[in-house]
């Protein structure tokens, strides 16, 4: 039987979610190749020099092709010039890129992944010109790439339906595969949690929200709803995360200055983020654009009580493990948030059970099967 050679092109990896994907799925895919007795598969990995550190040290470096390029426009230019030669040199049959914009190589099977829905909804929100232009280009390139790929992975059923219903790809060419969960997010309070929270000025219960602070996340709705609450009983609102849109970030900072009970932490370290999740009184997300949101999986893994907007794919992700409110309805959000503040902190057993369905082993198994068939 002829060997099937697969190249995983990780050159697009830059953000936290993409880095998490690379770190977690790669060892599983290589392990599946090793155990696969039904066929001969050989996986190679393409990274730039900065991304090399994301790979486990025990991965055979003969499997890794390291190049000198960066992400963004430089990456796309490099791919158009150099990627076909690397594919030919390594006798590659399948190129798998876990992103939605890439160079498609002739005479091989091109598999891509749609994991960012912001380009399809950004026109509803006020962005800085730079971010608006980026999303405009990204939408055009995403549609072009999806239409010309041989296979597409959608990271939720919502994404799959969007691709198929808009005619970008046929339903037979799109597979839905969820991401896994980061097991460092868990509900068990540790001896270090209290001191960590005190170190950032948190000595009382708090409502928590996090994620990239971009207009579609609607963090202003959460702040406005919190400010509407008359009896907060010492409850704080903690916002963790940063964003690339300066105008939106400035607007949120101005809103937060209306109350000393609102704490804007900015970007926080991973370990602190896990502590903030599992110790919060309630986790709130008002987002209106997601694909397979890590924040949803992390909140469930942490056993949080969860209050979320009802727009797709949030109901799909939570599957009954969160209370939903009508997206954009700040009054309803404030009303439901007030009820949580009046209740004691509770461990969300339904959320923990739902989170267990998101594993990297399952993600890798489905991905391996899809890209090798």
Protein backbone atom coordinates (compact mmCIF):
# COMPACT_ATOMS: atom_id res chain seq x y z
CA UNK A 1 0.00 0.00 0.00
CA UNK A 2 1.35 3.45 -0.92
CA UNK A 3 2.11 5.80 1.94
CA UNK A 4 -0.20 8.81 2.32
CA UNK A 5 1.80 11.90 3.23
CA UNK A 6 0.06 14.70 5.11
CA UNK A 7 1.39 18.19 5.80
CA UNK A 8 -0.22 20.15 8.65
CA UNK A 9 0.35 23.82 7.89
CA UNK A 10 0.40 25.70 11.20
CA UNK A 11 1.84 28.96 9.82
CA UNK A 12 -1.40 30.85 10.52
CA UNK A 13 -1.19 30.11 14.26
CA UNK A 14 -0.92 33.36 16.22
CA UNK A 15 -3.75 33.76 18.73
CA UNK A 16 -4.40 31.93 21.99
CA UNK A 17 -7.10 29.64 20.60
CA UNK A 18 -4.99 28.60 17.62
CA UNK A 19 -1.96 27.97 19.84
CA UNK A 20 -4.11 25.82 22.13
CA UNK A 21 -5.24 23.82 19.09
CA UNK A 22 -1.67 23.25 17.88
CA UNK A 23 -0.37 22.21 21.30
CA UNK A 24 -3.19 19.80 22.06
CA UNK A 25 -4.14 18.11 18.80
CA UNK A 26 -0.65 17.51 17.37
CA UNK A 27 0.47 14.81 19.86
CA UNK A 28 -2.87 13.01 19.45
CA UNK A 29 -2.62 13.01 15.65
CA UNK A 30 0.93 11.66 15.72
CA UNK A 31 -0.09 9.00 18.23
CA UNK A 32 -3.00 7.95 16.01
CA UNK A 33 -0.66 7.68 13.02
CA UNK A 34 1.62 5.42 15.08
CA UNK A 35 -1.26 3.14 16.11
CA UNK A 36 -2.95 3.07 12.71
CA UNK A 37 -2.46 -0.46 11.40
CA UNK A 38 -4.98 -0.16 8.56
CA UNK A 39 -2.98 2.21 6.38
CA UNK A 40 0.41 3.82 5.96
CA UNK A 41 0.22 7.49 6.90
CA UNK A 42 3.09 9.90 7.40
CA UNK A 43 2.41 13.30 9.02
CA UNK A 44 4.72 16.27 8.68
CA UNK A 45 4.30 19.60 10.47
CA UNK A 46 5.02 23.05 9.03
CA UNK A 47 5.79 25.85 11.50
CA UNK A 48 7.79 29.05 11.63
CA UNK A 49 10.65 29.56 14.07
CA UNK A 50 8.48 31.27 16.70
CA UNK A 51 5.88 28.47 16.61
CA UNK A 52 8.45 25.73 17.13
CA UNK A 53 8.32 26.31 20.90
CA UNK A 54 4.62 25.34 20.94
CA UNK A 55 5.46 21.77 19.93
CA UNK A 56 6.17 19.15 22.55
CA UNK A 57 9.89 18.45 22.94
CA UNK A 58 9.38 14.72 22.38
CA UNK A 59 8.08 15.19 18.81
CA UNK A 60 10.59 13.85 16.28
CA UNK A 61 12.16 16.93 14.68
CA UNK A 62 12.44 15.01 11.40
CA UNK A 63 8.66 15.42 11.26
CA UNK A 64 8.92 19.20 11.48
CA UNK A 65 9.60 21.63 8.64
CA UNK A 66 10.71 24.98 10.10
CA UNK A 67 10.66 28.10 7.92
CA UNK A 68 11.50 31.77 8.35
CA UNK A 69 8.26 33.66 8.02
CA UNK A 70 5.64 35.25 10.25
CA UNK A 71 1.85 35.39 10.43
CA UNK A 72 -0.49 37.80 8.64
CA UNK A 73 0.23 39.18 5.17
CA UNK A 74 3.85 38.00 5.25
CA UNK A 75 2.67 34.47 5.85
CA UNK A 76 0.26 34.57 2.90
CA UNK A 77 2.94 35.95 0.57
CA UNK A 78 5.39 33.28 1.72
CA UNK A 79 2.82 30.51 1.18
CA UNK A 80 2.11 31.62 -2.39
CA UNK A 81 5.81 31.61 -3.23
CA UNK A 82 7.22 28.73 -1.18
CA UNK A 83 4.47 26.32 -0.08
CA UNK A 84 4.06 24.48 -3.44
CA UNK A 85 7.80 23.72 -3.46
CA UNK A 86 7.71 22.28 0.07
CA UNK A 87 4.70 20.14 -0.85
CA UNK A 88 6.49 18.81 -3.93
CA UNK A 89 9.79 18.25 -2.12
CA UNK A 90 8.09 16.15 0.57
CA UNK A 91 5.75 14.28 -1.82
CA UNK A 92 2.71 15.54 0.08
CA UNK A 93 -0.75 14.18 -0.77
CA UNK A 94 -2.86 16.19 1.70
CA UNK A 95 -2.32 19.71 3.05
CA UNK A 96 -4.33 20.40 6.20
CA UNK A 97 -4.47 24.03 7.32
CA UNK A 98 -6.44 24.62 10.54
CA UNK A 99 -7.48 28.08 9.35
CA UNK A 100 -9.74 29.56 6.70
CA UNK A 101 -7.32 31.60 4.58
CA UNK A 102 -4.32 29.91 2.98
CA UNK A 103 -2.61 29.09 -0.30
CA UNK A 104 -4.31 26.10 -1.93
CA UNK A 105 -1.79 23.84 -3.64
CA UNK A 106 -2.55 22.19 -6.99
CA UNK A 107 -2.66 18.40 -7.37
CA UNK A 108 -3.10 17.63 -3.67
CA UNK A 109 -6.12 17.40 -1.35
CA UNK A 110 -6.55 20.73 0.44
CA UNK A 111 -8.32 20.58 3.82
CA UNK A 112 -9.04 23.85 5.65
CA UNK A 113 -10.89 24.84 8.82
CA UNK A 114 -13.36 27.68 9.40
CA UNK A 115 -12.87 28.88 12.98
CA UNK A 116 -13.58 32.63 12.85
CA UNK A 117 -17.04 34.02 12.13
CA UNK A 118 -16.23 37.68 12.79
CA UNK A 119 -15.69 38.44 9.07
CA UNK A 120 -19.30 37.46 8.38
CA UNK A 121 -20.87 39.76 11.00
CA UNK A 122 -18.45 42.66 11.45
CA UNK A 123 -20.49 45.06 9.29
CA UNK A 124 -23.10 45.28 12.09
CA UNK A 125 -20.62 46.93 14.47
CA UNK A 126 -18.45 50.04 14.69
CA UNK A 127 -14.81 49.17 14.08
CA UNK A 128 -11.70 51.24 13.60
CA UNK A 129 -10.85 51.52 9.89
CA UNK A 130 -7.88 49.17 10.19
CA UNK A 131 -9.94 46.40 11.80
CA UNK A 132 -12.84 47.00 9.40
CA UNK A 133 -10.52 46.64 6.41
CA UNK A 134 -8.95 43.47 7.83
CA UNK A 135 -12.35 41.83 8.28
CA UNK A 136 -13.52 42.92 4.83
CA UNK A 137 -10.50 41.27 3.21
CA UNK A 138 -10.77 38.22 5.47
CA UNK A 139 -14.40 37.65 4.48
CA UNK A 140 -13.55 37.74 0.77
CA UNK A 141 -10.56 35.44 1.19
CA UNK A 142 -12.46 33.02 3.45
CA UNK A 143 -15.27 32.55 0.93
CA UNK A 144 -12.74 32.11 -1.88
CA UNK A 145 -10.72 29.55 0.10
CA UNK A 146 -13.76 27.56 1.25
CA UNK A 147 -15.19 27.39 -2.26
CA UNK A 148 -11.94 26.07 -3.71
CA UNK A 149 -10.94 23.62 -0.97
CA UNK A 150 -11.47 19.90 -1.31
CA UNK A 151 -12.61 19.46 2.30
CA UNK A 152 -13.67 21.86 5.04
CA UNK A 153 -13.83 21.41 8.82
CA UNK A 154 -16.44 23.52 10.63
CA UNK A 155 -15.84 23.89 14.35
CA UNK A 156 -19.56 23.91 15.21
CA UNK A 157 -22.84 22.95 13.60
CA UNK A 158 -23.66 26.66 13.35
CA UNK A 159 -20.53 27.25 11.24
CA UNK A 160 -21.31 24.21 9.11
CA UNK A 161 -24.84 25.43 8.40
CA UNK A 162 -23.56 28.91 7.53
CA UNK A 163 -21.09 27.51 5.00
CA UNK A 164 -23.57 25.13 3.39
CA UNK A 165 -26.66 27.38 3.46
CA UNK A 166 -24.75 30.23 1.81
CA UNK A 167 -23.52 27.95 -0.96
CA UNK A 168 -19.82 28.21 -0.13
CA UNK A 169 -19.45 24.41 -0.06
CA UNK A 170 -21.66 21.35 -0.44
CA UNK A 171 -22.75 19.55 2.73
CA UNK A 172 -20.80 16.44 1.64
CA UNK A 173 -17.54 18.41 1.73
CA UNK A 174 -17.98 19.91 5.22
CA UNK A 175 -17.41 18.02 8.46
CA UNK A 176 -18.33 19.40 11.88
CA UNK A 177 -15.64 18.79 14.52
CA UNK A 178 -15.56 20.53 17.91
CA UNK A 179 -12.36 21.59 19.63
CA UNK A 180 -11.31 19.87 22.83
CA UNK A 181 -11.10 21.42 26.29
CA UNK A 182 -8.12 22.61 28.28
CA UNK A 183 -8.05 20.33 31.34
CA UNK A 184 -6.31 23.00 33.43
CA UNK A 185 -9.76 24.60 33.73
CA UNK A 186 -11.56 22.72 36.50
CA UNK A 187 -14.07 23.50 39.31
CA UNK A 188 -11.94 22.54 42.31
CA UNK A 189 -10.83 25.48 44.47
CA UNK A 190 -7.15 25.25 45.42
CA UNK A 191 -5.14 26.59 48.38
CA UNK A 192 -3.57 29.23 46.12
CA UNK A 193 -6.78 30.75 44.76
CA UNK A 194 -7.54 33.17 47.61
CA UNK A 195 -4.06 34.71 47.64
CA UNK A 196 -4.08 35.05 43.86
CA UNK A 197 -7.39 36.92 43.95
CA UNK A 198 -6.25 39.16 46.81
CA UNK A 199 -3.14 40.04 44.80
CA UNK A 200 -5.35 41.69 42.15
CA UNK A 201 -7.60 43.37 44.70
CA UNK A 202 -10.44 40.86 44.76
CA UNK A 203 -11.70 40.22 48.28
CA UNK A 204 -15.44 39.94 47.58
CA UNK A 205 -17.70 37.93 45.23
CA UNK A 206 -17.61 38.90 41.57
CA UNK A 207 -19.34 38.55 38.22
CA UNK A 208 -16.83 37.49 35.56
CA UNK A 209 -16.53 37.99 31.82
CA UNK A 210 -13.53 37.59 29.55
CA UNK A 211 -12.31 37.22 26.00
CA UNK A 212 -10.95 39.44 23.26
CA UNK A 213 -12.52 42.87 23.70
CA UNK A 214 -13.94 43.43 20.23
CA UNK A 215 -17.28 45.01 19.26
CA UNK A 216 -19.07 41.71 18.56
CA UNK A 217 -18.40 40.55 22.12
CA UNK A 218 -20.80 43.30 23.39
CA UNK A 219 -18.99 43.75 26.69
CA UNK A 220 -20.68 47.15 26.97
CA UNK A 221 -24.01 45.33 27.43
CA UNK A 222 -22.61 43.49 30.47
CA UNK A 223 -21.23 46.71 31.98
CA UNK A 224 -24.50 48.55 31.34
CA UNK A 225 -26.55 45.71 32.84
CA UNK A 226 -24.28 45.62 35.90
CA UNK A 227 -24.62 49.39 36.39
CA UNK A 228 -28.42 49.01 36.34
CA UNK A 229 -28.32 46.82 39.44
CA UNK A 230 -29.28 48.84 42.50
CA UNK A 231 -28.42 46.28 45.18
CA UNK A 232 -25.10 44.70 44.25
CA UNK A 233 -24.32 43.64 47.84
CA UNK A 234 -20.60 44.30 47.39
CA UNK A 235 -20.49 42.28 44.15
CA UNK A 236 -17.79 43.31 41.65
CA UNK A 237 -17.71 42.98 37.88
CA UNK A 238 -14.37 41.66 36.64
CA UNK A 239 -13.45 41.94 32.95
CA UNK A 240 -10.37 40.07 31.70
CA UNK A 241 -8.99 40.38 28.19
CA UNK A 242 -7.70 42.88 25.67
CA UNK A 243 -8.50 43.79 22.09
CA UNK A 244 -7.02 45.30 18.95
CA UNK A 245 -9.75 47.89 18.35
CA UNK A 246 -8.62 51.06 20.14
CA UNK A 247 -11.95 52.90 19.85
CA UNK A 248 -13.89 50.05 21.38
CA UNK A 249 -11.38 49.57 24.20
CA UNK A 250 -11.54 53.28 25.02
CA UNK A 251 -15.33 53.20 25.17
CA UNK A 252 -15.26 50.27 27.62
CA UNK A 253 -12.74 52.00 29.87
CA UNK A 254 -14.91 55.12 29.97
CA UNK A 255 -17.95 53.05 30.95
CA UNK A 256 -16.03 51.16 33.63
CA UNK A 257 -14.99 54.42 35.31
CA UNK A 258 -18.64 55.01 36.33
CA UNK A 259 -18.28 52.57 39.22
CA UNK A 260 -15.50 51.42 41.53
CA UNK A 261 -17.17 47.99 41.45
CA UNK A 262 -15.95 47.39 37.88
CA UNK A 263 -12.43 46.00 37.53
CA UNK A 264 -10.79 45.95 34.08
CA UNK A 265 -7.86 43.56 34.35
CA UNK A 266 -6.66 43.57 30.76
CA UNK A 267 -4.75 40.51 29.56
CA UNK A 268 -4.05 38.03 32.36
CA UNK A 269 -1.82 34.98 32.65
CA UNK A 270 -3.29 31.55 31.98
CA UNK A 271 -3.06 30.34 35.59
CA UNK A 272 -4.88 33.42 36.87
CA UNK A 273 -7.56 32.98 34.23
CA UNK A 274 -8.34 29.46 35.49
CA UNK A 275 -8.65 30.85 39.04
CA UNK A 276 -10.95 33.67 37.92
CA UNK A 277 -13.26 31.20 36.20
CA UNK A 278 -13.69 28.68 39.01
CA UNK A 279 -14.09 31.28 41.77
CA UNK A 280 -16.59 33.59 40.07
CA UNK A 281 -20.14 33.93 41.34
CA UNK A 282 -21.47 33.80 37.78
CA UNK A 283 -19.85 33.90 34.34
CA UNK A 284 -21.55 36.18 31.81
CA UNK A 285 -21.05 36.44 28.07
CA UNK A 286 -22.97 38.80 25.78
CA UNK A 287 -21.14 37.76 22.60
CA UNK A 288 -22.99 37.84 19.30
CA UNK A 289 -20.37 36.19 17.05
CA UNK A 290 -18.64 32.91 17.80
CA UNK A 291 -17.57 29.72 16.02
CA UNK A 292 -16.54 27.29 18.77
CA UNK A 293 -15.89 29.65 21.69
CA UNK A 294 -13.15 28.60 24.09
CA UNK A 295 -14.65 30.83 26.78
CA UNK A 296 -17.82 28.73 26.75
CA UNK A 297 -15.92 25.46 27.12
CA UNK A 298 -13.68 26.96 29.81
CA UNK A 299 -16.65 28.27 31.79
CA UNK A 300 -18.33 24.86 31.70
CA UNK A 301 -15.12 23.05 32.58
CA UNK A 302 -14.81 25.36 35.60
CA UNK A 303 -18.31 24.52 36.82
CA UNK A 304 -19.49 28.12 36.55
CA UNK A 305 -23.04 29.30 36.79
CA UNK A 306 -23.44 30.74 33.29
CA UNK A 307 -25.56 33.53 31.83
CA UNK A 308 -25.23 33.82 28.06
CA UNK A 309 -26.71 35.52 25.02
CA UNK A 310 -29.03 33.22 23.08
CA UNK A 311 -27.53 33.74 19.62
CA UNK A 312 -26.00 30.77 17.74
CA UNK A 313 -23.83 28.89 18.46
CA UNK A 314 -24.15 29.58 22.20
CA UNK A 315 -27.23 27.35 22.80
CA UNK A 316 -25.49 24.60 20.79
CA UNK A 317 -22.34 24.88 22.88
CA UNK A 318 -24.02 24.98 26.28
CA UNK A 319 -26.74 22.42 25.46
CA UNK A 320 -28.89 23.46 28.43
CA UNK A 321 -26.00 24.08 30.85
CA UNK A 322 -26.45 27.87 30.82
CA UNK A 323 -29.27 30.33 31.31
CA UNK A 324 -29.87 32.31 28.14
CA UNK A 325 -31.15 35.84 27.58
CA UNK A 326 -32.26 37.55 24.39
CA UNK A 327 -29.09 38.92 22.83
CA UNK A 328 -28.94 42.70 22.84
CA UNK A 329 -31.64 42.98 25.52
CA UNK A 330 -29.74 44.76 28.31
CA UNK A 331 -32.80 45.03 30.56
CA UNK A 332 -33.37 41.26 30.44
CA UNK A 333 -29.68 40.66 31.06
CA UNK A 334 -29.77 42.95 34.12
CA UNK A 335 -32.91 41.24 35.43
CA UNK A 336 -31.40 37.76 35.16
CA UNK A 337 -28.06 38.90 36.51
CA UNK A 338 -29.79 40.34 39.59
CA UNK A 339 -31.26 36.91 40.38
CA UNK A 340 -27.82 35.29 40.34
CA UNK A 341 -26.42 37.94 42.67
CA UNK A 342 -29.16 37.14 45.20
CA UNK A 343 -28.31 33.41 45.11
CA UNK A 344 -25.32 31.70 46.75
CA UNK A 345 -22.45 30.58 44.52
CA UNK A 346 -23.22 27.14 43.09
CA UNK A 347 -21.29 24.49 41.20
CA UNK A 348 -22.89 23.88 37.79
CA UNK A 349 -22.99 20.07 37.50
CA UNK A 350 -24.71 20.19 34.09
CA UNK A 351 -21.92 22.41 32.75
CA UNK A 352 -19.20 20.06 34.02
CA UNK A 353 -20.90 17.09 32.35
CA UNK A 354 -21.31 19.00 29.09
CA UNK A 355 -17.64 20.05 29.14
CA UNK A 356 -16.59 16.40 29.33
CA UNK A 357 -17.91 15.94 25.78
CA UNK A 358 -15.21 18.28 24.43
CA UNK A 359 -11.96 16.29 24.37
CA UNK A 360 -8.84 16.61 22.26
CA UNK A 361 -8.76 12.84 21.82
CA UNK A 362 -12.21 12.95 20.18
CA UNK A 363 -11.27 16.02 18.12
CA UNK A 364 -8.08 14.32 16.91
CA UNK A 365 -9.84 11.04 16.11
CA UNK A 366 -12.44 12.78 13.97
CA UNK A 367 -9.84 15.01 12.32
CA UNK A 368 -7.46 12.12 11.57
CA UNK A 369 -10.25 10.10 10.00
CA UNK A 370 -11.39 13.05 7.89
CA UNK A 371 -7.98 14.10 6.56
CA UNK A 372 -6.74 10.57 5.83
CA UNK A 373 -9.80 9.20 4.03
